[in-house]
Amino acid sequence: VQLVESGGGLVQPGGSLRLSCAASGFTFSRYVMTWHRQAPGKERELVATINSAGDSTYYADSVKGRFTISRDNAKNTVYLQMNSLKPEDTAVYYCYARVGTSYWGQGTQVTVSS
């Protein structure tokens, strides 16, 4: 199993970024996919989850209405569209899947700063 995130970077407050997580080594379309994040000095937290079919999602209260999780099962990829970014969204963002055991990507840094 391999999860590879991309799309992070530096953005000004109010800006947008789209993260991608390319998955391989398992039958992607059968599994729930999740984005987490970890800010400096804080614990890793759940950001958003999407079911295997892509028709049910969950968001942390802190990102609800600003972030959108989606997936393309034909491309084995899960996305996180982040709009109206705030400085407190600054963190390393991780893709996660539980395929028998837990698998994490290497993370992608998102920095929101003027």
C-alpha atoms as a PDB file:
ATOM      1  CA  VAL A   1       0.000   0.000   0.000  1.00  0.00           C
ATOM      2  CA  GLN A   2       1.268   3.429  -0.932  1.00  0.00           C
ATOM      3  CA  LEU A   3      -0.330   6.825  -0.413  1.00  0.00           C
ATOM      4  CA  VAL A   4       1.325   9.866  -1.993  1.00  0.00           C
ATOM      5  CA  GLU A   5       0.059  13.365  -1.245  1.00  0.00           C
ATOM      6  CA  SER A   6       0.678  16.432  -3.362  1.00  0.00           C
ATOM      7  CA  GLY A   7      -0.617  19.955  -3.815  1.00  0.00           C
ATOM      8  CA  GLY A   8       0.513  21.659  -0.646  1.00  0.00           C
ATOM      9  CA  GLY A   9       2.215  25.025  -0.547  1.00  0.00           C
ATOM     10  CA  LEU A  10       2.131  28.584   0.699  1.00  0.00           C
ATOM     11  CA  VAL A  11      -1.103  30.513   0.281  1.00  0.00           C
ATOM     12  CA  GLN A  12      -2.461  33.784   1.592  1.00  0.00           C
ATOM     13  CA  PRO A  13      -5.416  33.866   3.973  1.00  0.00           C
ATOM     14  CA  GLY A  14      -8.638  33.533   2.025  1.00  0.00           C
ATOM     15  CA  GLY A  15      -6.919  31.572  -0.712  1.00  0.00           C
ATOM     16  CA  SER A  16      -7.468  28.048  -1.978  1.00  0.00           C
ATOM     17  CA  LEU A  17      -5.495  24.864  -2.472  1.00  0.00           C
ATOM     18  CA  ARG A  18      -6.365  21.428  -3.782  1.00  0.00           C
ATOM     19  CA  LEU A  19      -4.594  18.452  -2.270  1.00  0.00           C
ATOM     20  CA  SER A  20      -4.384  15.092  -4.000  1.00  0.00           C
ATOM     21  CA  CYS A  21      -3.580  11.647  -2.656  1.00  0.00           C
ATOM     22  CA  ALA A  22      -2.658   8.976  -5.177  1.00  0.00           C
ATOM     23  CA  ALA A  23      -3.213   5.466  -3.832  1.00  0.00           C
ATOM     24  CA  SER A  24      -1.786   2.161  -4.982  1.00  0.00           C
ATOM     25  CA  GLY A  25      -1.340  -1.394  -3.786  1.00  0.00           C
ATOM     26  CA  PHE A  26      -4.944  -2.051  -2.812  1.00  0.00           C
ATOM     27  CA  THR A  27      -8.449  -1.971  -4.294  1.00  0.00           C
ATOM     28  CA  PHE A  28      -8.997   1.733  -3.761  1.00  0.00           C
ATOM     29  CA  SER A  29     -12.705   1.726  -4.615  1.00  0.00           C
ATOM     30  CA  ARG A  30     -13.515  -0.546  -1.667  1.00  0.00           C
ATOM     31  CA  TYR A  31     -12.114   1.625   1.121  1.00  0.00           C
ATOM     32  CA  VAL A  32     -12.970   4.702   3.120  1.00  0.00           C
ATOM     33  CA  MET A  33     -10.373   7.422   2.670  1.00  0.00           C
ATOM     34  CA  THR A  34      -9.526  10.122   5.180  1.00  0.00           C
ATOM     35  CA  TRP A  35      -7.546  13.339   5.389  1.00  0.00           C
ATOM     36  CA  HIS A  36      -5.877  14.311   8.656  1.00  0.00           C
ATOM     37  CA  ARG A  37      -3.650  17.204   9.584  1.00  0.00           C
ATOM     38  CA  GLN A  38      -1.063  17.992  12.228  1.00  0.00           C
ATOM     39  CA  ALA A  39      -0.082  21.506  13.190  1.00  0.00           C
ATOM     40  CA  PRO A  40       3.193  22.255  15.008  1.00  0.00           C
ATOM     41  CA  GLY A  41       2.930  21.292  18.661  1.00  0.00           C
ATOM     42  CA  LYS A  42      -0.526  19.787  18.242  1.00  0.00           C
ATOM     43  CA  GLU A  43      -1.934  16.306  17.895  1.00  0.00           C
ATOM     44  CA  ARG A  44      -2.908  14.913  14.521  1.00  0.00           C
ATOM     45  CA  GLU A  45      -6.607  15.533  13.867  1.00  0.00           C
ATOM     46  CA  LEU A  46      -9.230  14.228  11.493  1.00  0.00           C
ATOM     47  CA  VAL A  47     -10.187  16.705   8.769  1.00  0.00           C
ATOM     48  CA  ALA A  48     -12.529  14.846   6.427  1.00  0.00           C
ATOM     49  CA  THR A  49     -13.664  11.347   5.472  1.00  0.00           C
ATOM     50  CA  ILE A  50     -15.289   9.928   2.367  1.00  0.00           C
ATOM     51  CA  ASN A  51     -16.891   6.531   1.923  1.00  0.00           C
ATOM     52  CA  SER A  52     -15.895   4.049  -0.759  1.00  0.00           C
ATOM     53  CA  ALA A  53     -18.582   5.123  -3.239  1.00  0.00           C
ATOM     54  CA  GLY A  54     -17.923   8.797  -2.691  1.00  0.00           C
ATOM     55  CA  ASP A  55     -21.498   9.627  -1.759  1.00  0.00           C
ATOM     56  CA  SER A  56     -21.069  10.128   1.969  1.00  0.00           C
ATOM     57  CA  THR A  57     -18.685  12.530   3.649  1.00  0.00           C
ATOM     58  CA  TYR A  58     -17.820  13.809   7.095  1.00  0.00           C
ATOM     59  CA  TYR A  59     -16.024  17.000   8.082  1.00  0.00           C
ATOM     60  CA  ALA A  60     -14.506  18.348  11.238  1.00  0.00           C
ATOM     61  CA  ASP A  61     -16.399  21.377  12.497  1.00  0.00           C
ATOM     62  CA  SER A  62     -13.323  23.545  11.965  1.00  0.00           C
ATOM     63  CA  VAL A  63     -13.382  23.003   8.179  1.00  0.00           C
ATOM     64  CA  LYS A  64     -17.083  22.445   7.479  1.00  0.00           C
ATOM     65  CA  GLY A  65     -18.311  24.691   4.685  1.00  0.00           C
ATOM     66  CA  ARG A  66     -14.774  25.509   3.519  1.00  0.00           C
ATOM     67  CA  PHE A  67     -13.233  22.143   2.619  1.00  0.00           C
ATOM     68  CA  THR A  68     -14.566  19.480   0.254  1.00  0.00           C
ATOM     69  CA  ILE A  69     -13.362  15.897   0.079  1.00  0.00           C
ATOM     70  CA  SER A  70     -13.920  13.924  -3.104  1.00  0.00           C
ATOM     71  CA  ARG A  71     -12.554  10.876  -4.876  1.00  0.00           C
ATOM     72  CA  ASP A  72     -12.061   9.476  -8.339  1.00  0.00           C
ATOM     73  CA  ASN A  73     -12.099   5.696  -8.104  1.00  0.00           C
ATOM     74  CA  ALA A  74     -11.021   5.379 -11.728  1.00  0.00           C
ATOM     75  CA  LYS A  75      -7.848   7.293 -10.896  1.00  0.00           C
ATOM     76  CA  ASN A  76      -7.321   5.825  -7.408  1.00  0.00           C
ATOM     77  CA  THR A  77      -7.132   9.355  -6.060  1.00  0.00           C
ATOM     78  CA  VAL A  78      -8.744  11.264  -3.219  1.00  0.00           C
ATOM     79  CA  TYR A  79      -8.832  15.051  -3.146  1.00  0.00           C
ATOM     80  CA  LEU A  80      -9.233  17.796  -0.585  1.00  0.00           C
ATOM     81  CA  GLN A  81     -10.380  21.138  -1.960  1.00  0.00           C
ATOM     82  CA  MET A  82      -9.602  23.815   0.598  1.00  0.00           C
ATOM     83  CA  ASN A  83     -11.196  27.252   0.225  1.00  0.00           C
ATOM     84  CA  SER A  84     -11.238  30.346   2.441  1.00  0.00           C
ATOM     85  CA  LEU A  85      -8.031  29.191   4.074  1.00  0.00           C
ATOM     86  CA  LYS A  86      -7.102  30.589   7.470  1.00  0.00           C
ATOM     87  CA  PRO A  87      -3.735  30.792   9.245  1.00  0.00           C
ATOM     88  CA  GLU A  88      -4.989  28.131  11.665  1.00  0.00           C
ATOM     89  CA  ASP A  89      -5.249  25.693   8.741  1.00  0.00           C
ATOM     90  CA  THR A  90      -1.447  25.658   8.580  1.00  0.00           C
ATOM     91  CA  ALA A  91      -0.365  22.054   9.085  1.00  0.00           C
ATOM     92  CA  VAL A  92       1.035  18.973   7.433  1.00  0.00           C
ATOM     93  CA  TYR A  93      -1.858  17.202   5.722  1.00  0.00           C
ATOM     94  CA  TYR A  94      -1.894  13.420   5.581  1.00  0.00           C
ATOM     95  CA  CYS A  95      -3.874  10.909   3.581  1.00  0.00           C
ATOM     96  CA  TYR A  96      -4.970   7.808   5.525  1.00  0.00           C
ATOM     97  CA  ALA A  97      -6.475   4.425   4.728  1.00  0.00           C
ATOM     98  CA  ARG A  98      -7.118   1.412   6.891  1.00  0.00           C
ATOM     99  CA  VAL A  99      -6.466  -1.594   4.685  1.00  0.00           C
ATOM    100  CA  GLY A 100      -6.190  -4.344   7.259  1.00  0.00           C
ATOM    101  CA  THR A 101      -3.829  -2.066   9.126  1.00  0.00           C
ATOM    102  CA  SER A 102      -3.305   1.680   9.097  1.00  0.00           C
ATOM    103  CA  TYR A 103      -1.477   3.363   6.232  1.00  0.00           C
ATOM    104  CA  TRP A 104      -0.388   6.998   6.091  1.00  0.00           C
ATOM    105  CA  GLY A 105       1.080   9.077   3.324  1.00  0.00           C
ATOM    106  CA  GLN A 106       4.248  11.108   3.836  1.00  0.00           C
ATOM    107  CA  GLY A 107       2.279  14.328   4.221  1.00  0.00           C
ATOM    108  CA  THR A 108       2.190  17.629   2.368  1.00  0.00           C
ATOM    109  CA  GLN A 109       2.815  20.989   4.019  1.00  0.00           C
ATOM    110  CA  VAL A 110       0.144  23.669   3.844  1.00  0.00           C
ATOM    111  CA  THR A 111       1.114  27.116   5.078  1.00  0.00           C
ATOM    112  CA  VAL A 112      -1.440  29.919   5.223  1.00  0.00           C
ATOM    113  CA  SER A 113       0.272  33.242   5.773  1.00  0.00           C
ATOM    114  CA  SER A 114       0.387  36.764   4.421  1.00  0.00           C
END
